[in-house]
Amino acid sequence: MRRFSWLITIPIAAIAIAFAVTNNHAVSIDLWLSPMPIELPLFAVAFVGILIGFLAGAFAAWISGGKARRLARERAREIANLNRSLLEKEHRLAEQAPRPNAVSGPPATQPNTHVGSGDLAG
């Protein structure tokens, strides 16, 4: 999996470097918050736009996963409570179980070897 990651990352990095080298001329950006225009290289403007888009997408994915995360937390709490309850009941059951001692044990049973006196055929 790590090699596959590198097979994807290296070409994307090469494309990003080539884009930055070929698009290094300054562009003027006039934002409504800044009193004067900002001059940045074109690749920086593109990379900032990509970064903002990535962060917006990550935030949207995080928001949409909130219900699943809440459900997972609730289930984890429920599992922990059930495990705790199971351990307590096992502990109580172990305390209540009779302990075998060498002197008294369950009564020994004899196999039924008694043969009846009557003949089944007659």
C-alpha atoms as a PDB file:
ATOM      1  CA  MET A   1       0.000   0.000   0.000  1.00  0.00           C
ATOM      2  CA  ARG A   2       2.855   2.347   0.755  1.00  0.00           C
ATOM      3  CA  ARG A   3       4.310   1.812  -2.723  1.00  0.00           C
ATOM      4  CA  PHE A   4       0.926   2.553  -4.289  1.00  0.00           C
ATOM      5  CA  SER A   5       0.810   5.770  -2.285  1.00  0.00           C
ATOM      6  CA  TRP A   6       4.188   6.779  -3.644  1.00  0.00           C
ATOM      7  CA  LEU A   7       3.089   5.892  -7.199  1.00  0.00           C
ATOM      8  CA  ILE A   8       0.323   8.457  -6.840  1.00  0.00           C
ATOM      9  CA  THR A   9       2.196  11.090  -4.832  1.00  0.00           C
ATOM     10  CA  ILE A  10       5.325  11.389  -6.992  1.00  0.00           C
ATOM     11  CA  PRO A  11       3.524  12.215 -10.283  1.00  0.00           C
ATOM     12  CA  ILE A  12       1.211  14.692  -8.545  1.00  0.00           C
ATOM     13  CA  ALA A  13       4.204  16.383  -6.895  1.00  0.00           C
ATOM     14  CA  ALA A  14       6.016  16.519 -10.256  1.00  0.00           C
ATOM     15  CA  ILE A  15       2.993  18.121 -11.909  1.00  0.00           C
ATOM     16  CA  ALA A  16       2.671  20.653  -9.050  1.00  0.00           C
ATOM     17  CA  ILE A  17       6.384  21.569  -9.313  1.00  0.00           C
ATOM     18  CA  ALA A  18       6.177  21.948 -13.091  1.00  0.00           C
ATOM     19  CA  PHE A  19       3.083  24.134 -12.685  1.00  0.00           C
ATOM     20  CA  ALA A  20       4.847  26.308 -10.092  1.00  0.00           C
ATOM     21  CA  VAL A  21       7.945  26.747 -12.256  1.00  0.00           C
ATOM     22  CA  THR A  22       6.050  27.665 -15.411  1.00  0.00           C
ATOM     23  CA  ASN A  23       3.500  29.949 -13.710  1.00  0.00           C
ATOM     24  CA  ASN A  24       5.656  32.124 -11.479  1.00  0.00           C
ATOM     25  CA  HIS A  25       4.656  35.543 -12.851  1.00  0.00           C
ATOM     26  CA  ALA A  26       2.880  37.864 -10.420  1.00  0.00           C
ATOM     27  CA  VAL A  27      -0.836  38.442 -10.491  1.00  0.00           C
ATOM     28  CA  SER A  28      -2.749  41.123  -8.627  1.00  0.00           C
ATOM     29  CA  ILE A  29      -5.569  40.002  -6.367  1.00  0.00           C
ATOM     30  CA  ASP A  30      -8.012  42.559  -5.023  1.00  0.00           C
ATOM     31  CA  LEU A  31      -9.958  41.192  -2.062  1.00  0.00           C
ATOM     32  CA  TRP A  32     -12.791  43.110  -0.492  1.00  0.00           C
ATOM     33  CA  LEU A  33     -11.151  42.783   2.951  1.00  0.00           C
ATOM     34  CA  SER A  34      -7.793  44.244   1.973  1.00  0.00           C
ATOM     35  CA  PRO A  35      -7.431  47.970   1.329  1.00  0.00           C
ATOM     36  CA  MET A  36      -4.938  47.409  -1.489  1.00  0.00           C
ATOM     37  CA  PRO A  37      -4.398  44.660  -4.061  1.00  0.00           C
ATOM     38  CA  ILE A  38      -2.120  41.738  -3.153  1.00  0.00           C
ATOM     39  CA  GLU A  39       0.488  40.589  -5.654  1.00  0.00           C
ATOM     40  CA  LEU A  40       1.277  36.888  -5.577  1.00  0.00           C
ATOM     41  CA  PRO A  41       2.743  34.408  -8.037  1.00  0.00           C
ATOM     42  CA  LEU A  42       0.059  32.631 -10.061  1.00  0.00           C
ATOM     43  CA  PHE A  43       1.000  29.188  -8.684  1.00  0.00           C
ATOM     44  CA  ALA A  44       0.524  30.471  -5.106  1.00  0.00           C
ATOM     45  CA  VAL A  45      -2.964  31.703  -5.975  1.00  0.00           C
ATOM     46  CA  ALA A  46      -3.795  28.319  -7.529  1.00  0.00           C
ATOM     47  CA  PHE A  47      -2.364  26.360  -4.591  1.00  0.00           C
ATOM     48  CA  VAL A  48      -4.241  28.534  -2.063  1.00  0.00           C
ATOM     49  CA  GLY A  49      -7.441  27.938  -4.034  1.00  0.00           C
ATOM     50  CA  ILE A  50      -6.808  24.182  -4.021  1.00  0.00           C
ATOM     51  CA  LEU A  51      -6.064  24.293  -0.285  1.00  0.00           C
ATOM     52  CA  ILE A  52      -9.259  26.225   0.467  1.00  0.00           C
ATOM     53  CA  GLY A  53     -11.264  23.753  -1.625  1.00  0.00           C
ATOM     54  CA  PHE A  54      -9.650  20.809   0.157  1.00  0.00           C
ATOM     55  CA  LEU A  55     -10.373  22.295   3.582  1.00  0.00           C
ATOM     56  CA  ALA A  56     -13.987  23.076   2.630  1.00  0.00           C
ATOM     57  CA  GLY A  57     -14.463  19.498   1.414  1.00  0.00           C
ATOM     58  CA  ALA A  58     -12.860  18.058   4.556  1.00  0.00           C
ATOM     59  CA  PHE A  59     -15.114  20.223   6.726  1.00  0.00           C
ATOM     60  CA  ALA A  60     -18.220  19.135   4.785  1.00  0.00           C
ATOM     61  CA  ALA A  61     -17.201  15.472   5.143  1.00  0.00           C
ATOM     62  CA  TRP A  62     -16.593  15.968   8.876  1.00  0.00           C
ATOM     63  CA  ILE A  63     -20.010  17.579   9.323  1.00  0.00           C
ATOM     64  CA  SER A  64     -21.771  14.838   7.360  1.00  0.00           C
ATOM     65  CA  GLY A  65     -20.033  12.142   9.435  1.00  0.00           C
ATOM     66  CA  GLY A  66     -21.262  13.599  12.732  1.00  0.00           C
ATOM     67  CA  LYS A  67     -24.273  11.307  12.982  1.00  0.00           C
ATOM     68  CA  ALA A  68     -22.142   8.205  12.410  1.00  0.00           C
ATOM     69  CA  ARG A  69     -19.559   9.344  14.980  1.00  0.00           C
ATOM     70  CA  ARG A  70     -22.305   9.994  17.564  1.00  0.00           C
ATOM     71  CA  LEU A  71     -23.827   6.575  16.900  1.00  0.00           C
ATOM     72  CA  ALA A  72     -20.391   4.935  17.231  1.00  0.00           C
ATOM     73  CA  ARG A  73     -19.805   6.680  20.584  1.00  0.00           C
ATOM     74  CA  GLU A  74     -23.215   5.574  21.866  1.00  0.00           C
ATOM     75  CA  ARG A  75     -22.589   1.982  20.790  1.00  0.00           C
ATOM     76  CA  ALA A  76     -19.130   1.996  22.340  1.00  0.00           C
ATOM     77  CA  ARG A  77     -20.646   3.160  25.648  1.00  0.00           C
ATOM     78  CA  GLU A  78     -23.336   0.489  25.408  1.00  0.00           C
ATOM     79  CA  ILE A  79     -20.742  -2.216  24.709  1.00  0.00           C
ATOM     80  CA  ALA A  80     -18.646  -1.060  27.651  1.00  0.00           C
ATOM     81  CA  ASN A  81     -21.700  -1.153  29.929  1.00  0.00           C
ATOM     82  CA  LEU A  82     -22.668  -4.623  28.707  1.00  0.00           C
ATOM     83  CA  ASN A  83     -19.111  -5.899  29.208  1.00  0.00           C
ATOM     84  CA  ARG A  84     -19.038  -4.454  32.718  1.00  0.00           C
ATOM     85  CA  SER A  85     -22.399  -6.051  33.510  1.00  0.00           C
ATOM     86  CA  LEU A  86     -21.250  -9.400  32.109  1.00  0.00           C
ATOM     87  CA  LEU A  87     -18.075  -9.346  34.192  1.00  0.00           C
ATOM     88  CA  GLU A  88     -20.071  -8.510  37.347  1.00  0.00           C
ATOM     89  CA  LYS A  89     -22.520 -11.358  36.707  1.00  0.00           C
ATOM     90  CA  GLU A  90     -19.702 -13.811  35.989  1.00  0.00           C
ATOM     91  CA  HIS A  91     -18.012 -12.747  39.210  1.00  0.00           C
ATOM     92  CA  ARG A  92     -21.249 -13.198  41.216  1.00  0.00           C
ATOM     93  CA  LEU A  93     -21.858 -16.577  39.585  1.00  0.00           C
ATOM     94  CA  ALA A  94     -18.328 -17.699  40.420  1.00  0.00           C
ATOM     95  CA  GLU A  95     -18.862 -16.680  44.052  1.00  0.00           C
ATOM     96  CA  GLN A  96     -22.171 -18.571  44.287  1.00  0.00           C
ATOM     97  CA  ALA A  97     -20.951 -21.772  42.628  1.00  0.00           C
ATOM     98  CA  PRO A  98     -20.301 -24.585  45.128  1.00  0.00           C
ATOM     99  CA  ARG A  99     -16.686 -25.428  45.529  1.00  0.00           C
ATOM    100  CA  PRO A 100     -15.876 -29.132  45.281  1.00  0.00           C
ATOM    101  CA  ASN A 101     -14.176 -30.626  48.338  1.00  0.00           C
ATOM    102  CA  ALA A 102     -12.442 -33.942  48.595  1.00  0.00           C
ATOM    103  CA  VAL A 103     -14.755 -35.350  51.306  1.00  0.00           C
ATOM    104  CA  SER A 104     -18.167 -34.857  49.814  1.00  0.00           C
ATOM    105  CA  GLY A 105     -18.948 -35.041  46.179  1.00  0.00           C
ATOM    106  CA  PRO A 106     -21.871 -35.982  44.041  1.00  0.00           C
ATOM    107  CA  PRO A 107     -23.262 -39.433  44.823  1.00  0.00           C
ATOM    108  CA  ALA A 108     -21.853 -42.200  42.723  1.00  0.00           C
ATOM    109  CA  THR A 109     -24.428 -43.991  40.639  1.00  0.00           C
ATOM    110  CA  GLN A 110     -24.331 -47.678  39.859  1.00  0.00           C
ATOM    111  CA  PRO A 111     -25.115 -48.792  36.334  1.00  0.00           C
ATOM    112  CA  ASN A 112     -28.455 -50.571  36.066  1.00  0.00           C
ATOM    113  CA  THR A 113     -27.441 -54.235  35.741  1.00  0.00           C
ATOM    114  CA  HIS A 114     -30.633 -55.727  37.197  1.00  0.00           C
ATOM    115  CA  VAL A 115     -32.174 -58.299  34.900  1.00  0.00           C
ATOM    116  CA  GLY A 116     -35.830 -58.863  35.297  1.00  0.00           C
ATOM    117  CA  SER A 117     -37.159 -62.292  36.204  1.00  0.00           C
ATOM    118  CA  GLY A 118     -39.901 -62.367  33.624  1.00  0.00           C
ATOM    119  CA  ASP A 119     -39.417 -63.618  30.095  1.00  0.00           C
ATOM    120  CA  LEU A 120     -40.252 -61.044  27.481  1.00  0.00           C
ATOM    121  CA  ALA A 121     -41.317 -63.632  24.975  1.00  0.00           C
ATOM    122  CA  GLY A 122     -43.915 -65.278  27.035  1.00  0.00           C
END
